Amino acid sequence: MSLVPRERRFYDLFEQQAATLVRAADLLEQALADVAKLPMRQREIKDLEHLGDDLTHEIVRDLYQTFVTPFDREDIYELVAGLDDILDYIEEVADTTNLYGITTIPQPARELARLIAQAVVQLEQAIGKLESGKGGGENVIEVHRLEDVGDSISRRAIAELFSGQHMPLEVIKLKDLYTLLEDALDRCEDVANVLEGITIKNA
């Protein structure tokens, strides 16, 4: 029995997981751009998070059942875990914004959400190039650039929070929001690093 179809299945599942992530990040960007739509977008993101969990479990199950994998098992596990973490962060941002009752989204938070949406598109494109064993380097570089931009935005935004112009409760809420957005972007960079280190067998 040929193992090639099962190997190809890993690529299919990763591509599905990346597409789910892109959709969730797009919904988060929409939600923070128009907070009136947050409850609806939050439910849609939660549905995508459940779908992402199913894909994660499927990939891990296939990993244990497959003798020959397209690239190192450790890389497969790190990649699937990283993508799952990004999706969890996106859901947590939406949940936190809703639970905290944040009705006015500061511009830096909207910018960070936009950067996350751009970063996951780059990850999706890099994952789409995995099977060929070629390309993806420019996507990884772009994720690093986006993360650097996000770091600068987050630092300035948090510094502004402590300028004395905000109520203490607002500071706590917005600092948590900025931290979650930055964590999501940091995890995108972690996944980019994993992709950069993958060597495709027989590529």
C-alpha atoms as a PDB file:
ATOM      1  CA  MET A   1       0.000   0.000   0.000  1.00  0.00           C
ATOM      2  CA  SER A   2       1.436   3.363  -1.001  1.00  0.00           C
ATOM      3  CA  LEU A   3       2.166   5.846   1.729  1.00  0.00           C
ATOM      4  CA  VAL A   4       2.169   8.809  -0.636  1.00  0.00           C
ATOM      5  CA  PRO A   5      -1.561   9.650  -0.286  1.00  0.00           C
ATOM      6  CA  ARG A   6      -1.205   9.681   3.490  1.00  0.00           C
ATOM      7  CA  GLU A   7       1.828  11.977   3.218  1.00  0.00           C
ATOM      8  CA  ARG A   8      -0.123  14.290   0.911  1.00  0.00           C
ATOM      9  CA  ARG A   9      -2.881  14.353   3.504  1.00  0.00           C
ATOM     10  CA  PHE A  10      -0.627  16.258   5.896  1.00  0.00           C
ATOM     11  CA  TYR A  11      -0.271  19.065   3.375  1.00  0.00           C
ATOM     12  CA  ASP A  12      -4.034  19.129   2.774  1.00  0.00           C
ATOM     13  CA  LEU A  13      -4.785  19.336   6.474  1.00  0.00           C
ATOM     14  CA  PHE A  14      -2.212  22.052   7.110  1.00  0.00           C
ATOM     15  CA  GLU A  15      -3.619  24.061   4.207  1.00  0.00           C
ATOM     16  CA  GLN A  16      -7.124  23.666   5.655  1.00  0.00           C
ATOM     17  CA  GLN A  17      -5.882  24.729   9.075  1.00  0.00           C
ATOM     18  CA  ALA A  18      -4.141  27.779   7.626  1.00  0.00           C
ATOM     19  CA  ALA A  19      -7.260  28.756   5.661  1.00  0.00           C
ATOM     20  CA  THR A  20      -9.328  28.486   8.856  1.00  0.00           C
ATOM     21  CA  LEU A  21      -6.829  30.741  10.590  1.00  0.00           C
ATOM     22  CA  VAL A  22      -6.987  33.337   7.800  1.00  0.00           C
ATOM     23  CA  ARG A  23     -10.764  33.422   8.020  1.00  0.00           C
ATOM     24  CA  ALA A  24     -10.716  33.814  11.812  1.00  0.00           C
ATOM     25  CA  ALA A  25      -8.147  36.619  11.674  1.00  0.00           C
ATOM     26  CA  ASP A  26     -10.221  38.408   9.038  1.00  0.00           C
ATOM     27  CA  LEU A  27     -13.296  38.159  11.276  1.00  0.00           C
ATOM     28  CA  LEU A  28     -11.328  39.535  14.226  1.00  0.00           C
ATOM     29  CA  GLU A  29     -10.157  42.483  12.164  1.00  0.00           C
ATOM     30  CA  GLN A  30     -13.766  43.141  11.148  1.00  0.00           C
ATOM     31  CA  ALA A  31     -14.941  42.843  14.762  1.00  0.00           C
ATOM     32  CA  LEU A  32     -12.436  45.370  16.096  1.00  0.00           C
ATOM     33  CA  ALA A  33     -13.127  47.739  13.201  1.00  0.00           C
ATOM     34  CA  ASP A  34     -16.863  47.706  13.976  1.00  0.00           C
ATOM     35  CA  VAL A  35     -17.434  46.654  17.589  1.00  0.00           C
ATOM     36  CA  ALA A  36     -21.209  46.547  17.054  1.00  0.00           C
ATOM     37  CA  LYS A  37     -20.621  43.361  15.070  1.00  0.00           C
ATOM     38  CA  LEU A  38     -18.405  41.827  17.769  1.00  0.00           C
ATOM     39  CA  PRO A  39     -20.952  39.378  19.258  1.00  0.00           C
ATOM     40  CA  MET A  40     -21.750  37.916  15.837  1.00  0.00           C
ATOM     41  CA  ARG A  41     -18.095  37.769  14.799  1.00  0.00           C
ATOM     42  CA  GLN A  42     -17.192  36.224  18.154  1.00  0.00           C
ATOM     43  CA  ARG A  43     -19.605  33.346  17.542  1.00  0.00           C
ATOM     44  CA  GLU A  44     -18.227  32.845  14.033  1.00  0.00           C
ATOM     45  CA  ILE A  45     -14.660  32.838  15.364  1.00  0.00           C
ATOM     46  CA  LYS A  46     -15.619  30.296  18.024  1.00  0.00           C
ATOM     47  CA  ASP A  47     -17.041  28.014  15.314  1.00  0.00           C
ATOM     48  CA  LEU A  48     -13.786  28.318  13.385  1.00  0.00           C
ATOM     49  CA  GLU A  49     -11.801  27.587  16.552  1.00  0.00           C
ATOM     50  CA  HIS A  50     -13.763  24.345  16.963  1.00  0.00           C
ATOM     51  CA  LEU A  51     -13.044  23.480  13.332  1.00  0.00           C
ATOM     52  CA  GLY A  52      -9.375  24.249  13.929  1.00  0.00           C
ATOM     53  CA  ASP A  53      -9.344  21.948  16.955  1.00  0.00           C
ATOM     54  CA  ASP A  54     -10.809  19.142  14.840  1.00  0.00           C
ATOM     55  CA  LEU A  55      -8.106  19.641  12.204  1.00  0.00           C
ATOM     56  CA  THR A  56      -5.406  19.713  14.887  1.00  0.00           C
ATOM     57  CA  HIS A  57      -6.617  16.430  16.355  1.00  0.00           C
ATOM     58  CA  GLU A  58      -6.776  14.908  12.883  1.00  0.00           C
ATOM     59  CA  ILE A  59      -3.194  15.904  12.092  1.00  0.00           C
ATOM     60  CA  VAL A  60      -1.902  14.587  15.419  1.00  0.00           C
ATOM     61  CA  ARG A  61      -3.807  11.328  14.942  1.00  0.00           C
ATOM     62  CA  ASP A  62      -2.359  10.917  11.456  1.00  0.00           C
ATOM     63  CA  LEU A  63       1.086  11.677  12.843  1.00  0.00           C
ATOM     64  CA  TYR A  64       0.870   8.720  15.198  1.00  0.00           C
ATOM     65  CA  GLN A  65      -0.530   6.430  12.493  1.00  0.00           C
ATOM     66  CA  THR A  66       1.928   7.301   9.719  1.00  0.00           C
ATOM     67  CA  PHE A  67       5.266   5.540   9.446  1.00  0.00           C
ATOM     68  CA  VAL A  68       6.753   7.839   6.793  1.00  0.00           C
ATOM     69  CA  THR A  69       6.043  11.545   7.231  1.00  0.00           C
ATOM     70  CA  PRO A  70       6.787  14.301   4.665  1.00  0.00           C
ATOM     71  CA  PHE A  71       9.022  16.140   7.146  1.00  0.00           C
ATOM     72  CA  ASP A  72      10.250  15.612  10.697  1.00  0.00           C
ATOM     73  CA  ARG A  73       7.617  14.609  13.226  1.00  0.00           C
ATOM     74  CA  GLU A  74       8.792  17.268  15.664  1.00  0.00           C
ATOM     75  CA  ASP A  75       8.307  19.942  12.989  1.00  0.00           C
ATOM     76  CA  ILE A  76       4.829  18.619  12.187  1.00  0.00           C
ATOM     77  CA  TYR A  77       3.873  18.768  15.839  1.00  0.00           C
ATOM     78  CA  GLU A  78       5.360  22.245  16.347  1.00  0.00           C
ATOM     79  CA  LEU A  79       3.603  23.542  13.237  1.00  0.00           C
ATOM     80  CA  VAL A  80       0.194  22.170  14.146  1.00  0.00           C
ATOM     81  CA  ALA A  81       0.544  23.369  17.758  1.00  0.00           C
ATOM     82  CA  GLY A  82       1.617  26.844  16.642  1.00  0.00           C
ATOM     83  CA  LEU A  83      -1.273  27.274  14.228  1.00  0.00           C
ATOM     84  CA  ASP A  84      -3.675  26.050  16.910  1.00  0.00           C
ATOM     85  CA  ASP A  85      -2.243  28.552  19.399  1.00  0.00           C
ATOM     86  CA  ILE A  86      -2.710  31.477  17.007  1.00  0.00           C
ATOM     87  CA  LEU A  87      -6.347  30.504  16.516  1.00  0.00           C
ATOM     88  CA  ASP A  88      -6.802  30.230  20.291  1.00  0.00           C
ATOM     89  CA  TYR A  89      -5.355  33.726  20.749  1.00  0.00           C
ATOM     90  CA  ILE A  90      -7.678  35.144  18.103  1.00  0.00           C
ATOM     91  CA  GLU A  91     -10.657  33.619  19.890  1.00  0.00           C
ATOM     92  CA  GLU A  92      -9.377  34.914  23.240  1.00  0.00           C
ATOM     93  CA  VAL A  93      -9.044  38.455  21.874  1.00  0.00           C
ATOM     94  CA  ALA A  94     -12.660  38.382  20.681  1.00  0.00           C
ATOM     95  CA  ASP A  95     -13.871  36.839  23.949  1.00  0.00           C
ATOM     96  CA  THR A  96     -11.931  39.288  26.111  1.00  0.00           C
ATOM     97  CA  THR A  97     -13.123  42.322  24.175  1.00  0.00           C
ATOM     98  CA  ASN A  98     -16.706  41.160  24.602  1.00  0.00           C
ATOM     99  CA  LEU A  99     -16.422  40.081  28.256  1.00  0.00           C
ATOM    100  CA  TYR A 100     -14.644  43.295  29.274  1.00  0.00           C
ATOM    101  CA  GLY A 101     -17.297  45.350  27.562  1.00  0.00           C
ATOM    102  CA  ILE A 102     -14.775  47.309  25.518  1.00  0.00           C
ATOM    103  CA  THR A 103     -17.016  49.392  23.286  1.00  0.00           C
ATOM    104  CA  THR A 104     -14.416  51.765  21.870  1.00  0.00           C
ATOM    105  CA  ILE A 105     -11.508  50.002  20.191  1.00  0.00           C
ATOM    106  CA  PRO A 106      -8.340  52.126  20.145  1.00  0.00           C
ATOM    107  CA  GLN A 107      -6.575  52.574  16.834  1.00  0.00           C
ATOM    108  CA  PRO A 108      -3.470  50.595  17.962  1.00  0.00           C
ATOM    109  CA  ALA A 109      -5.637  47.536  18.705  1.00  0.00           C
ATOM    110  CA  ARG A 110      -7.209  47.753  15.252  1.00  0.00           C
ATOM    111  CA  GLU A 111      -3.743  48.073  13.717  1.00  0.00           C
ATOM    112  CA  LEU A 112      -2.493  44.995  15.606  1.00  0.00           C
ATOM    113  CA  ALA A 113      -5.521  43.002  14.423  1.00  0.00           C
ATOM    114  CA  ARG A 114      -4.743  44.080  10.860  1.00  0.00           C
ATOM    115  CA  LEU A 115      -1.125  42.935  11.253  1.00  0.00           C
ATOM    116  CA  ILE A 116      -2.276  39.542  12.557  1.00  0.00           C
ATOM    117  CA  ALA A 117      -4.571  39.161   9.542  1.00  0.00           C
ATOM    118  CA  GLN A 118      -1.670  39.994   7.220  1.00  0.00           C
ATOM    119  CA  ALA A 119       0.725  37.659   9.042  1.00  0.00           C
ATOM    120  CA  VAL A 120      -1.552  34.621   8.820  1.00  0.00           C
ATOM    121  CA  VAL A 121      -2.003  35.210   5.091  1.00  0.00           C
ATOM    122  CA  GLN A 122       1.782  35.029   4.771  1.00  0.00           C
ATOM    123  CA  LEU A 123       1.812  31.809   6.806  1.00  0.00           C
ATOM    124  CA  GLU A 124      -0.915  30.363   4.594  1.00  0.00           C
ATOM    125  CA  GLN A 125       1.122  31.155   1.482  1.00  0.00           C
ATOM    126  CA  ALA A 126       4.266  29.622   2.980  1.00  0.00           C
ATOM    127  CA  ILE A 127       2.360  26.467   3.932  1.00  0.00           C
ATOM    128  CA  GLY A 128       1.015  26.263   0.382  1.00  0.00           C
ATOM    129  CA  LYS A 129       4.625  26.096  -0.849  1.00  0.00           C
ATOM    130  CA  LEU A 130       5.751  23.433   1.644  1.00  0.00           C
ATOM    131  CA  GLU A 131       5.190  20.403  -0.544  1.00  0.00           C
ATOM    132  CA  SER A 132       7.407  21.732  -3.322  1.00  0.00           C
ATOM    133  CA  GLY A 133      10.236  22.240  -0.849  1.00  0.00           C
ATOM    134  CA  LYS A 134      10.852  25.595  -2.482  1.00  0.00           C
ATOM    135  CA  GLY A 135       9.864  29.142  -1.706  1.00  0.00           C
ATOM    136  CA  GLY A 136       8.209  30.517   1.391  1.00  0.00           C
ATOM    137  CA  GLY A 137      11.298  32.430   2.461  1.00  0.00           C
ATOM    138  CA  GLU A 138       9.864  35.772   1.447  1.00  0.00           C
ATOM    139  CA  ASN A 139       6.689  34.991   3.412  1.00  0.00           C
ATOM    140  CA  VAL A 140       8.715  34.200   6.538  1.00  0.00           C
ATOM    141  CA  ILE A 141      10.660  37.459   6.167  1.00  0.00           C
ATOM    142  CA  GLU A 142       7.406  39.387   5.874  1.00  0.00           C
ATOM    143  CA  VAL A 143       6.018  37.787   9.054  1.00  0.00           C
ATOM    144  CA  HIS A 144       9.159  38.903  10.900  1.00  0.00           C
ATOM    145  CA  ARG A 145       8.674  42.434   9.576  1.00  0.00           C
ATOM    146  CA  LEU A 146       5.021  42.495  10.603  1.00  0.00           C
ATOM    147  CA  GLU A 147       5.916  41.281  14.087  1.00  0.00           C
ATOM    148  CA  ASP A 148       8.513  44.037  14.434  1.00  0.00           C
ATOM    149  CA  VAL A 149       5.919  46.631  13.431  1.00  0.00           C
ATOM    150  CA  GLY A 150       3.492  45.127  15.927  1.00  0.00           C
ATOM    151  CA  ASP A 151       6.051  45.315  18.721  1.00  0.00           C
ATOM    152  CA  SER A 152       6.527  49.032  18.099  1.00  0.00           C
ATOM    153  CA  ILE A 153       2.787  49.696  17.998  1.00  0.00           C
ATOM    154  CA  SER A 154       2.200  47.706  21.180  1.00  0.00           C
ATOM    155  CA  ARG A 155       5.000  49.426  23.102  1.00  0.00           C
ATOM    156  CA  ARG A 156       3.743  52.880  22.162  1.00  0.00           C
ATOM    157  CA  ALA A 157       0.135  51.963  22.938  1.00  0.00           C
ATOM    158  CA  ILE A 158       0.943  50.578  26.385  1.00  0.00           C
ATOM    159  CA  ALA A 159       3.143  53.573  27.192  1.00  0.00           C
ATOM    160  CA  GLU A 160       0.248  55.861  26.252  1.00  0.00           C
ATOM    161  CA  LEU A 161      -2.055  53.905  28.578  1.00  0.00           C
ATOM    162  CA  PHE A 162       0.123  54.895  31.526  1.00  0.00           C
ATOM    163  CA  SER A 163       0.246  58.565  30.567  1.00  0.00           C
ATOM    164  CA  GLY A 164      -2.309  59.424  33.244  1.00  0.00           C
ATOM    165  CA  GLN A 165      -5.076  60.199  30.775  1.00  0.00           C
ATOM    166  CA  HIS A 166      -7.013  56.963  31.325  1.00  0.00           C
ATOM    167  CA  MET A 167      -9.118  55.588  34.155  1.00  0.00           C
ATOM    168  CA  PRO A 168      -7.414  52.687  36.014  1.00  0.00           C
ATOM    169  CA  LEU A 169     -10.016  50.118  34.944  1.00  0.00           C
ATOM    170  CA  GLU A 170      -9.650  51.175  31.314  1.00  0.00           C
ATOM    171  CA  VAL A 171      -5.878  50.779  31.599  1.00  0.00           C
ATOM    172  CA  ILE A 172      -6.264  47.214  32.896  1.00  0.00           C
ATOM    173  CA  LYS A 173      -8.728  46.234  30.161  1.00  0.00           C
ATOM    174  CA  LEU A 174      -6.793  47.733  27.277  1.00  0.00           C
ATOM    175  CA  LYS A 175      -3.424  46.467  28.499  1.00  0.00           C
ATOM    176  CA  ASP A 176      -4.842  42.914  28.519  1.00  0.00           C
ATOM    177  CA  LEU A 177      -6.193  43.446  25.007  1.00  0.00           C
ATOM    178  CA  TYR A 178      -2.876  44.753  23.671  1.00  0.00           C
ATOM    179  CA  THR A 179      -0.984  41.897  25.327  1.00  0.00           C
ATOM    180  CA  LEU A 180      -3.210  39.255  23.751  1.00  0.00           C
ATOM    181  CA  LEU A 181      -2.902  40.842  20.305  1.00  0.00           C
ATOM    182  CA  GLU A 182       0.869  41.035  20.667  1.00  0.00           C
ATOM    183  CA  ASP A 183       1.012  37.410  21.867  1.00  0.00           C
ATOM    184  CA  ALA A 184      -0.921  36.308  18.769  1.00  0.00           C
ATOM    185  CA  LEU A 185       1.525  38.161  16.536  1.00  0.00           C
ATOM    186  CA  ASP A 186       4.499  36.702  18.423  1.00  0.00           C
ATOM    187  CA  ARG A 187       3.077  33.219  17.862  1.00  0.00           C
ATOM    188  CA  CYS A 188       2.822  33.968  14.146  1.00  0.00           C
ATOM    189  CA  GLU A 189       6.556  34.659  14.196  1.00  0.00           C
ATOM    190  CA  ASP A 190       7.156  31.384  16.067  1.00  0.00           C
ATOM    191  CA  VAL A 191       5.302  29.493  13.338  1.00  0.00           C
ATOM    192  CA  ALA A 192       7.291  31.339  10.676  1.00  0.00           C
ATOM    193  CA  ASN A 193      10.472  30.157  12.401  1.00  0.00           C
ATOM    194  CA  VAL A 194       9.204  26.565  12.322  1.00  0.00           C
ATOM    195  CA  LEU A 195       8.396  26.845   8.617  1.00  0.00           C
ATOM    196  CA  GLU A 196      11.827  28.285   7.952  1.00  0.00           C
ATOM    197  CA  GLY A 197      13.489  25.261   9.533  1.00  0.00           C
ATOM    198  CA  ILE A 198      11.462  22.536   7.801  1.00  0.00           C
ATOM    199  CA  THR A 199      13.258  20.252   5.400  1.00  0.00           C
ATOM    200  CA  ILE A 200      10.984  18.299   3.077  1.00  0.00           C
ATOM    201  CA  LYS A 201      12.036  14.691   2.607  1.00  0.00           C
ATOM    202  CA  ASN A 202      12.864  13.806  -1.010  1.00  0.00           C
ATOM    203  CA  ALA A 203      12.027  17.344  -2.125  1.00  0.00           C
END
